[in-house]
Amino acid sequence: IPEYIKDGYLEFTPVDCLAKAINNIVFNNNNVNRIFHLFNDKHITIIDFINICNKLYKKIEIVSQEEFNKQLDKILKENNYIGSYILNDMDDTNKLQYVSNIKVRAEFTNKYLSNLGFDWPNIDETYIKKFLDYLFEIKFF
């Protein structure tokens, strides 16, 4: 991965937890019109994600932008569909755009859910392993 995104974070919202959150809201709504922002606000840093991947699987290297672009070009020339998944996330200088000044907040939603006994899970090594094992199983990688 390119060096400039290593300090970012990743958001994982497990679908079963999302379903529970929706269920809690639907069946406990007090009929007041509200907008809820449903996502797991317990992020994992990209560097922590890399460390977990490096422990469980093969090494992910942090490289310069130039090296990243060389590797991406190589992958795309091999007609590898994996590389095509990130093309929409790149700007006109082939830089990944995963960092944003816009921070989505969900304090109201999370307080509402917490009052109903629901809290988002921490994303840990066990979750990341299950997530990545599934991607390997379906031959995404």
N, C-alpha and C. Protein backbone atom coordinates (compact mmCIF):
# COMPACT_ATOMS: atom_id res chain seq x y z
N ILE A 1 0.85 -1.18 0.00
CA ILE A 1 0.00 0.00 0.00
C ILE A 1 0.89 1.24 0.00
N PRO A 2 0.37 2.34 -0.53
CA PRO A 2 1.18 3.55 -0.53
C PRO A 2 1.33 4.11 0.88
N GLU A 3 2.51 4.63 1.15
CA GLU A 3 2.87 5.13 2.48
C GLU A 3 1.90 6.20 3.00
N TYR A 4 1.42 7.05 2.12
CA TYR A 4 0.62 8.19 2.58
C TYR A 4 -0.75 7.82 3.16
N ILE A 5 -1.20 6.56 3.01
CA ILE A 5 -2.50 6.21 3.60
C ILE A 5 -2.37 5.37 4.87
N LYS A 6 -1.16 5.04 5.27
CA LYS A 6 -0.97 4.13 6.41
C LYS A 6 -1.54 4.67 7.71
N ASP A 7 -1.68 5.97 7.85
CA ASP A 7 -2.20 6.55 9.08
C ASP A 7 -3.72 6.75 9.05
N GLY A 8 -4.35 6.31 7.98
CA GLY A 8 -5.81 6.40 7.89
C GLY A 8 -6.48 5.30 8.70
N TYR A 9 -7.76 5.16 8.50
CA TYR A 9 -8.50 4.12 9.22
C TYR A 9 -9.46 3.42 8.29
N LEU A 10 -9.92 2.26 8.72
CA LEU A 10 -10.89 1.47 7.97
C LEU A 10 -12.13 1.30 8.83
N GLU A 11 -13.25 1.26 8.17
CA GLU A 11 -14.52 1.07 8.87
C GLU A 11 -15.12 -0.25 8.41
N PHE A 12 -15.41 -1.11 9.36
CA PHE A 12 -16.08 -2.38 9.09
C PHE A 12 -17.39 -2.38 9.87
N THR A 13 -18.49 -2.56 9.18
CA THR A 13 -19.79 -2.69 9.83
C THR A 13 -20.29 -4.10 9.54
N PRO A 14 -20.13 -5.02 10.50
CA PRO A 14 -20.62 -6.39 10.26
C PRO A 14 -22.12 -6.38 9.98
N VAL A 15 -22.53 -7.07 8.94
CA VAL A 15 -23.91 -7.02 8.49
C VAL A 15 -24.88 -7.54 9.55
N ASP A 16 -24.48 -8.54 10.34
CA ASP A 16 -25.37 -9.04 11.38
C ASP A 16 -25.58 -7.99 12.47
N CYS A 17 -24.54 -7.23 12.76
CA CYS A 17 -24.67 -6.15 13.75
C CYS A 17 -25.53 -5.02 13.20
N LEU A 18 -25.36 -4.71 11.93
CA LEU A 18 -26.18 -3.69 11.29
C LEU A 18 -27.65 -4.09 11.35
N ALA A 19 -27.94 -5.36 11.07
CA ALA A 19 -29.33 -5.85 11.13
C ALA A 19 -29.89 -5.71 12.54
N LYS A 20 -29.08 -6.02 13.55
CA LYS A 20 -29.53 -5.87 14.94
C LYS A 20 -29.81 -4.41 15.27
N ALA A 21 -28.94 -3.52 14.80
CA ALA A 21 -29.14 -2.09 15.04
C ALA A 21 -30.44 -1.61 14.40
N ILE A 22 -30.67 -2.01 13.15
CA ILE A 22 -31.91 -1.63 12.46
C ILE A 22 -33.11 -2.18 13.21
N ASN A 23 -33.02 -3.44 13.60
CA ASN A 23 -34.11 -4.08 14.34
C ASN A 23 -34.41 -3.31 15.63
N ASN A 24 -33.37 -2.95 16.37
CA ASN A 24 -33.56 -2.19 17.60
C ASN A 24 -34.26 -0.87 17.35
N ILE A 25 -33.87 -0.19 16.30
CA ILE A 25 -34.48 1.11 16.00
C ILE A 25 -35.93 0.94 15.57
N VAL A 26 -36.18 0.00 14.67
CA VAL A 26 -37.54 -0.19 14.14
C VAL A 26 -38.52 -0.58 15.24
N PHE A 27 -38.12 -1.49 16.10
CA PHE A 27 -39.05 -1.99 17.10
C PHE A 27 -39.05 -1.18 18.40
N ASN A 28 -38.23 -0.16 18.48
CA ASN A 28 -38.21 0.68 19.68
C ASN A 28 -38.35 2.15 19.36
N ASN A 29 -38.80 2.45 18.16
CA ASN A 29 -38.93 3.83 17.74
C ASN A 29 -40.11 4.47 18.46
N ASN A 30 -39.91 5.69 18.90
CA ASN A 30 -40.97 6.40 19.61
C ASN A 30 -41.81 7.27 18.67
N ASN A 31 -41.82 6.91 17.39
CA ASN A 31 -42.61 7.58 16.37
C ASN A 31 -42.23 9.04 16.13
N VAL A 32 -41.06 9.43 16.57
CA VAL A 32 -40.54 10.75 16.26
C VAL A 32 -39.68 10.60 15.01
N ASN A 33 -39.93 11.47 14.04
CA ASN A 33 -39.14 11.39 12.80
C ASN A 33 -37.69 11.72 13.10
N ARG A 34 -36.84 10.78 12.83
CA ARG A 34 -35.40 10.95 13.07
C ARG A 34 -34.63 10.31 11.92
N ILE A 35 -33.43 10.78 11.75
CA ILE A 35 -32.53 10.17 10.78
C ILE A 35 -31.40 9.52 11.57
N PHE A 36 -31.13 8.28 11.24
CA PHE A 36 -30.08 7.53 11.93
C PHE A 36 -28.94 7.25 10.96
N HIS A 37 -27.72 7.39 11.44
CA HIS A 37 -26.53 7.08 10.66
C HIS A 37 -25.96 5.79 11.23
N LEU A 38 -26.17 4.72 10.50
CA LEU A 38 -25.80 3.40 11.00
C LEU A 38 -24.49 2.93 10.37
N PHE A 39 -23.46 2.92 11.19
CA PHE A 39 -22.17 2.36 10.82
C PHE A 39 -21.37 2.17 12.10
N ASN A 40 -20.44 1.26 12.05
CA ASN A 40 -19.60 0.98 13.21
C ASN A 40 -18.56 2.09 13.33
N ASP A 41 -18.67 2.85 14.39
CA ASP A 41 -17.72 3.96 14.59
C ASP A 41 -16.44 3.51 15.30
N LYS A 42 -16.32 2.23 15.57
CA LYS A 42 -15.09 1.70 16.17
C LYS A 42 -14.16 1.24 15.05
N HIS A 43 -13.44 2.21 14.52
CA HIS A 43 -12.58 1.97 13.37
C HIS A 43 -11.31 1.23 13.76
N ILE A 44 -10.66 0.72 12.74
CA ILE A 44 -9.34 0.12 12.90
C ILE A 44 -8.39 0.91 12.01
N THR A 45 -7.22 1.23 12.54
CA THR A 45 -6.28 1.98 11.73
C THR A 45 -5.72 1.08 10.63
N ILE A 46 -5.33 1.68 9.54
CA ILE A 46 -4.78 0.92 8.43
C ILE A 46 -3.51 0.20 8.87
N ILE A 47 -2.70 0.85 9.68
CA ILE A 47 -1.46 0.21 10.12
C ILE A 47 -1.76 -1.00 11.02
N ASP A 48 -2.80 -0.92 11.86
CA ASP A 48 -3.20 -2.08 12.67
C ASP A 48 -3.72 -3.21 11.78
N PHE A 49 -4.49 -2.84 10.76
CA PHE A 49 -4.99 -3.82 9.80
C PHE A 49 -3.82 -4.54 9.11
N ILE A 50 -2.84 -3.77 8.68
CA ILE A 50 -1.66 -4.34 8.02
C ILE A 50 -0.93 -5.29 8.97
N ASN A 51 -0.77 -4.86 10.22
CA ASN A 51 -0.08 -5.71 11.19
C ASN A 51 -0.81 -7.04 11.39
N ILE A 52 -2.14 -7.00 11.43
CA ILE A 52 -2.91 -8.24 11.57
C ILE A 52 -2.73 -9.11 10.33
N CYS A 53 -2.81 -8.50 9.16
CA CYS A 53 -2.63 -9.25 7.92
C CYS A 53 -1.24 -9.87 7.85
N ASN A 54 -0.24 -9.11 8.26
CA ASN A 54 1.13 -9.62 8.23
C ASN A 54 1.32 -10.78 9.20
N LYS A 55 0.60 -10.76 10.29
CA LYS A 55 0.67 -11.85 11.26
C LYS A 55 -0.02 -13.10 10.73
N LEU A 56 -1.16 -12.92 10.05
CA LEU A 56 -1.98 -14.05 9.63
C LEU A 56 -1.65 -14.58 8.24
N TYR A 57 -1.21 -13.71 7.35
CA TYR A 57 -1.03 -14.07 5.95
C TYR A 57 0.34 -13.59 5.48
N LYS A 58 0.42 -13.33 4.20
CA LYS A 58 1.69 -12.86 3.69
C LYS A 58 1.86 -11.37 3.95
N LYS A 59 3.08 -10.93 3.86
CA LYS A 59 3.43 -9.57 4.22
C LYS A 59 2.86 -8.54 3.25
N ILE A 60 2.28 -7.51 3.82
CA ILE A 60 1.85 -6.34 3.05
C ILE A 60 2.92 -5.29 3.26
N GLU A 61 3.43 -4.77 2.20
CA GLU A 61 4.48 -3.77 2.30
C GLU A 61 3.92 -2.36 2.14
N ILE A 62 4.50 -1.45 2.89
CA ILE A 62 4.21 -0.04 2.74
C ILE A 62 5.28 0.52 1.82
N VAL A 63 4.84 1.09 0.70
CA VAL A 63 5.79 1.53 -0.33
C VAL A 63 5.51 2.98 -0.73
N SER A 64 6.43 3.54 -1.48
CA SER A 64 6.24 4.90 -1.99
C SER A 64 5.11 4.92 -3.03
N GLN A 65 4.63 6.12 -3.33
CA GLN A 65 3.60 6.27 -4.36
C GLN A 65 4.09 5.73 -5.70
N GLU A 66 5.33 6.00 -6.02
CA GLU A 66 5.90 5.55 -7.30
C GLU A 66 5.91 4.03 -7.38
N GLU A 67 6.36 3.37 -6.30
CA GLU A 67 6.40 1.90 -6.29
C GLU A 67 4.99 1.33 -6.35
N PHE A 68 4.06 1.95 -5.64
CA PHE A 68 2.67 1.51 -5.67
C PHE A 68 2.12 1.58 -7.09
N ASN A 69 2.37 2.68 -7.79
CA ASN A 69 1.89 2.84 -9.17
C ASN A 69 2.51 1.80 -10.09
N LYS A 70 3.80 1.48 -9.91
CA LYS A 70 4.45 0.45 -10.72
C LYS A 70 3.77 -0.90 -10.51
N GLN A 71 3.53 -1.24 -9.24
CA GLN A 71 2.90 -2.53 -8.94
C GLN A 71 1.47 -2.58 -9.47
N LEU A 72 0.74 -1.50 -9.35
CA LEU A 72 -0.63 -1.45 -9.86
C LEU A 72 -0.64 -1.60 -11.37
N ASP A 73 0.26 -0.91 -12.06
CA ASP A 73 0.36 -1.05 -13.52
C ASP A 73 0.64 -2.50 -13.90
N LYS A 74 1.53 -3.14 -13.18
CA LYS A 74 1.87 -4.54 -13.44
C LYS A 74 0.64 -5.43 -13.26
N ILE A 75 -0.09 -5.22 -12.18
CA ILE A 75 -1.30 -6.02 -11.92
C ILE A 75 -2.33 -5.81 -13.03
N LEU A 76 -2.54 -4.56 -13.42
CA LEU A 76 -3.54 -4.27 -14.45
C LEU A 76 -3.12 -4.83 -15.82
N LYS A 77 -1.83 -4.83 -16.12
CA LYS A 77 -1.35 -5.39 -17.39
C LYS A 77 -1.54 -6.90 -17.45
N GLU A 78 -1.50 -7.52 -16.28
CA GLU A 78 -1.74 -8.97 -16.21
C GLU A 78 -3.23 -9.28 -16.30
N ASN A 79 -4.04 -8.25 -16.51
CA ASN A 79 -5.49 -8.38 -16.62
C ASN A 79 -6.08 -8.96 -15.33
N ASN A 80 -5.51 -8.57 -14.24
CA ASN A 80 -5.95 -9.04 -12.94
C ASN A 80 -7.11 -8.16 -12.49
N TYR A 81 -8.26 -8.78 -12.26
CA TYR A 81 -9.45 -8.01 -11.90
C TYR A 81 -9.34 -7.34 -10.54
N ILE A 82 -8.47 -7.83 -9.67
CA ILE A 82 -8.34 -7.24 -8.34
C ILE A 82 -7.92 -5.77 -8.44
N GLY A 83 -6.96 -5.48 -9.29
CA GLY A 83 -6.51 -4.11 -9.46
C GLY A 83 -7.61 -3.19 -9.94
N SER A 84 -8.52 -3.72 -10.74
CA SER A 84 -9.60 -2.88 -11.27
C SER A 84 -10.57 -2.40 -10.20
N TYR A 85 -10.61 -3.11 -9.07
CA TYR A 85 -11.52 -2.70 -8.00
C TYR A 85 -11.13 -1.37 -7.38
N ILE A 86 -9.87 -1.02 -7.40
CA ILE A 86 -9.48 0.23 -6.75
C ILE A 86 -9.39 1.41 -7.70
N LEU A 87 -9.58 1.18 -9.00
CA LEU A 87 -9.46 2.27 -9.96
C LEU A 87 -10.44 3.40 -9.67
N ASN A 88 -11.63 3.10 -9.21
CA ASN A 88 -12.60 4.15 -8.89
C ASN A 88 -12.20 4.97 -7.68
N ASP A 89 -11.24 4.48 -6.92
CA ASP A 89 -10.78 5.18 -5.72
C ASP A 89 -9.54 6.03 -5.97
N MET A 90 -9.18 6.19 -7.24
CA MET A 90 -7.96 6.91 -7.57
C MET A 90 -8.28 8.23 -8.25
N ASP A 91 -7.46 9.22 -7.96
CA ASP A 91 -7.65 10.51 -8.62
C ASP A 91 -6.89 10.53 -9.94
N ASP A 92 -6.84 11.70 -10.58
CA ASP A 92 -6.22 11.78 -11.90
C ASP A 92 -4.69 11.68 -11.86
N THR A 93 -4.10 11.65 -10.66
CA THR A 93 -2.66 11.44 -10.55
C THR A 93 -2.34 10.03 -10.05
N ASN A 94 -3.33 9.14 -10.11
CA ASN A 94 -3.22 7.75 -9.65
C ASN A 94 -2.92 7.64 -8.16
N LYS A 95 -3.46 8.55 -7.41
CA LYS A 95 -3.31 8.52 -5.97
C LYS A 95 -4.62 8.06 -5.36
N LEU A 96 -4.52 7.08 -4.43
CA LEU A 96 -5.73 6.59 -3.76
C LEU A 96 -6.34 7.71 -2.93
N GLN A 97 -7.65 7.81 -2.99
CA GLN A 97 -8.36 8.86 -2.27
C GLN A 97 -9.20 8.25 -1.15
N TYR A 98 -8.53 7.74 -0.13
CA TYR A 98 -9.22 7.15 1.01
C TYR A 98 -9.27 8.09 2.20
N VAL A 99 -8.61 9.21 2.11
CA VAL A 99 -8.59 10.15 3.21
C VAL A 99 -9.50 11.32 2.83
N SER A 100 -10.34 11.70 3.76
CA SER A 100 -11.28 12.78 3.50
C SER A 100 -11.32 13.72 4.70
N ASN A 101 -11.60 14.97 4.42
CA ASN A 101 -11.80 15.94 5.49
C ASN A 101 -13.21 15.83 6.07
N ILE A 102 -14.06 15.08 5.40
CA ILE A 102 -15.43 14.90 5.87
C ILE A 102 -15.44 13.75 6.87
N LYS A 103 -15.89 14.02 8.06
CA LYS A 103 -15.99 13.00 9.09
C LYS A 103 -17.48 12.79 9.41
N VAL A 104 -17.96 11.63 9.08
CA VAL A 104 -19.35 11.30 9.38
C VAL A 104 -19.45 11.01 10.87
N ARG A 105 -20.43 11.58 11.50
CA ARG A 105 -20.60 11.39 12.94
C ARG A 105 -21.94 10.73 13.19
N ALA A 106 -21.99 10.00 14.27
CA ALA A 106 -23.24 9.30 14.60
C ALA A 106 -23.48 9.31 16.11
N GLU A 107 -23.14 10.40 16.77
CA GLU A 107 -23.30 10.44 18.23
C GLU A 107 -24.74 10.19 18.65
N PHE A 108 -25.68 10.87 17.98
CA PHE A 108 -27.09 10.69 18.34
C PHE A 108 -27.51 9.24 18.16
N THR A 109 -27.19 8.68 16.99
CA THR A 109 -27.55 7.29 16.70
C THR A 109 -26.94 6.33 17.71
N ASN A 110 -25.66 6.50 17.98
CA ASN A 110 -24.99 5.58 18.90
C ASN A 110 -25.52 5.72 20.33
N LYS A 111 -25.85 6.93 20.75
CA LYS A 111 -26.43 7.10 22.08
C LYS A 111 -27.82 6.46 22.13
N TYR A 112 -28.59 6.64 21.07
CA TYR A 112 -29.92 6.04 20.98
C TYR A 112 -29.82 4.52 21.07
N LEU A 113 -28.89 3.95 20.28
CA LEU A 113 -28.70 2.49 20.28
C LEU A 113 -28.18 2.01 21.63
N SER A 114 -27.27 2.75 22.22
CA SER A 114 -26.73 2.36 23.53
C SER A 114 -27.83 2.32 24.59
N ASN A 115 -28.75 3.27 24.52
CA ASN A 115 -29.88 3.28 25.46
C ASN A 115 -30.78 2.06 25.26
N LEU A 116 -30.71 1.46 24.07
CA LEU A 116 -31.48 0.24 23.79
C LEU A 116 -30.66 -1.02 24.06
N GLY A 117 -29.44 -0.83 24.57
CA GLY A 117 -28.60 -1.98 24.91
C GLY A 117 -27.73 -2.48 23.77
N PHE A 118 -27.57 -1.69 22.72
CA PHE A 118 -26.77 -2.10 21.57
C PHE A 118 -25.52 -1.24 21.49
N ASP A 119 -24.38 -1.88 21.32
CA ASP A 119 -23.12 -1.19 21.05
C ASP A 119 -22.41 -1.90 19.91
N TRP A 120 -21.73 -1.13 19.09
CA TRP A 120 -20.98 -1.70 17.98
C TRP A 120 -19.79 -2.49 18.50
N PRO A 121 -19.41 -3.56 17.79
CA PRO A 121 -18.27 -4.37 18.24
C PRO A 121 -16.94 -3.72 17.86
N ASN A 122 -15.91 -4.07 18.61
CA ASN A 122 -14.55 -3.71 18.21
C ASN A 122 -14.15 -4.65 17.08
N ILE A 123 -13.44 -4.12 16.12
CA ILE A 123 -12.95 -4.93 15.02
C ILE A 123 -11.57 -5.42 15.44
N ASP A 124 -11.45 -6.72 15.59
CA ASP A 124 -10.22 -7.31 16.10
C ASP A 124 -9.66 -8.34 15.13
N GLU A 125 -8.60 -8.99 15.56
CA GLU A 125 -7.94 -9.98 14.72
C GLU A 125 -8.89 -11.11 14.31
N THR A 126 -9.74 -11.55 15.21
CA THR A 126 -10.68 -12.64 14.91
C THR A 126 -11.61 -12.23 13.77
N TYR A 127 -12.16 -11.01 13.85
CA TYR A 127 -13.06 -10.53 12.79
C TYR A 127 -12.31 -10.40 11.46
N ILE A 128 -11.13 -9.79 11.49
CA ILE A 128 -10.36 -9.60 10.25
C ILE A 128 -10.03 -10.95 9.62
N LYS A 129 -9.68 -11.94 10.43
CA LYS A 129 -9.37 -13.28 9.91
C LYS A 129 -10.59 -13.88 9.22
N LYS A 130 -11.76 -13.82 9.86
CA LYS A 130 -12.98 -14.35 9.24
C LYS A 130 -13.29 -13.62 7.94
N PHE A 131 -13.15 -12.31 7.96
CA PHE A 131 -13.43 -11.49 6.78
C PHE A 131 -12.50 -11.87 5.62
N LEU A 132 -11.21 -11.92 5.89
CA LEU A 132 -10.25 -12.23 4.83
C LEU A 132 -10.32 -13.69 4.41
N ASP A 133 -10.54 -14.61 5.35
CA ASP A 133 -10.70 -16.03 4.98
C ASP A 133 -11.86 -16.19 3.99
N TYR A 134 -12.94 -15.46 4.21
CA TYR A 134 -14.07 -15.53 3.29
C TYR A 134 -13.67 -15.00 1.91
N LEU A 135 -12.93 -13.90 1.86
CA LEU A 135 -12.51 -13.36 0.57
C LEU A 135 -11.59 -14.35 -0.17
N PHE A 136 -10.73 -15.06 0.57
CA PHE A 136 -9.91 -16.11 -0.05
C PHE A 136 -10.79 -17.26 -0.52
N GLU A 137 -11.77 -17.63 0.29
CA GLU A 137 -12.65 -18.76 -0.04
C GLU A 137 -13.41 -18.52 -1.35
N ILE A 138 -13.88 -17.30 -1.55
CA ILE A 138 -14.62 -17.00 -2.78
C ILE A 138 -13.70 -16.60 -3.94
N LYS A 139 -12.39 -16.75 -3.67
CA LYS A 139 -11.36 -16.47 -4.67
C LYS A 139 -11.34 -15.02 -5.11
N PHE A 140 -11.66 -14.11 -4.18
CA PHE A 140 -11.52 -12.69 -4.46
C PHE A 140 -10.05 -12.33 -4.63
N PHE A 141 -9.22 -12.99 -3.83
CA PHE A 141 -7.76 -12.80 -3.93
C PHE A 141 -7.15 -14.00 -4.62
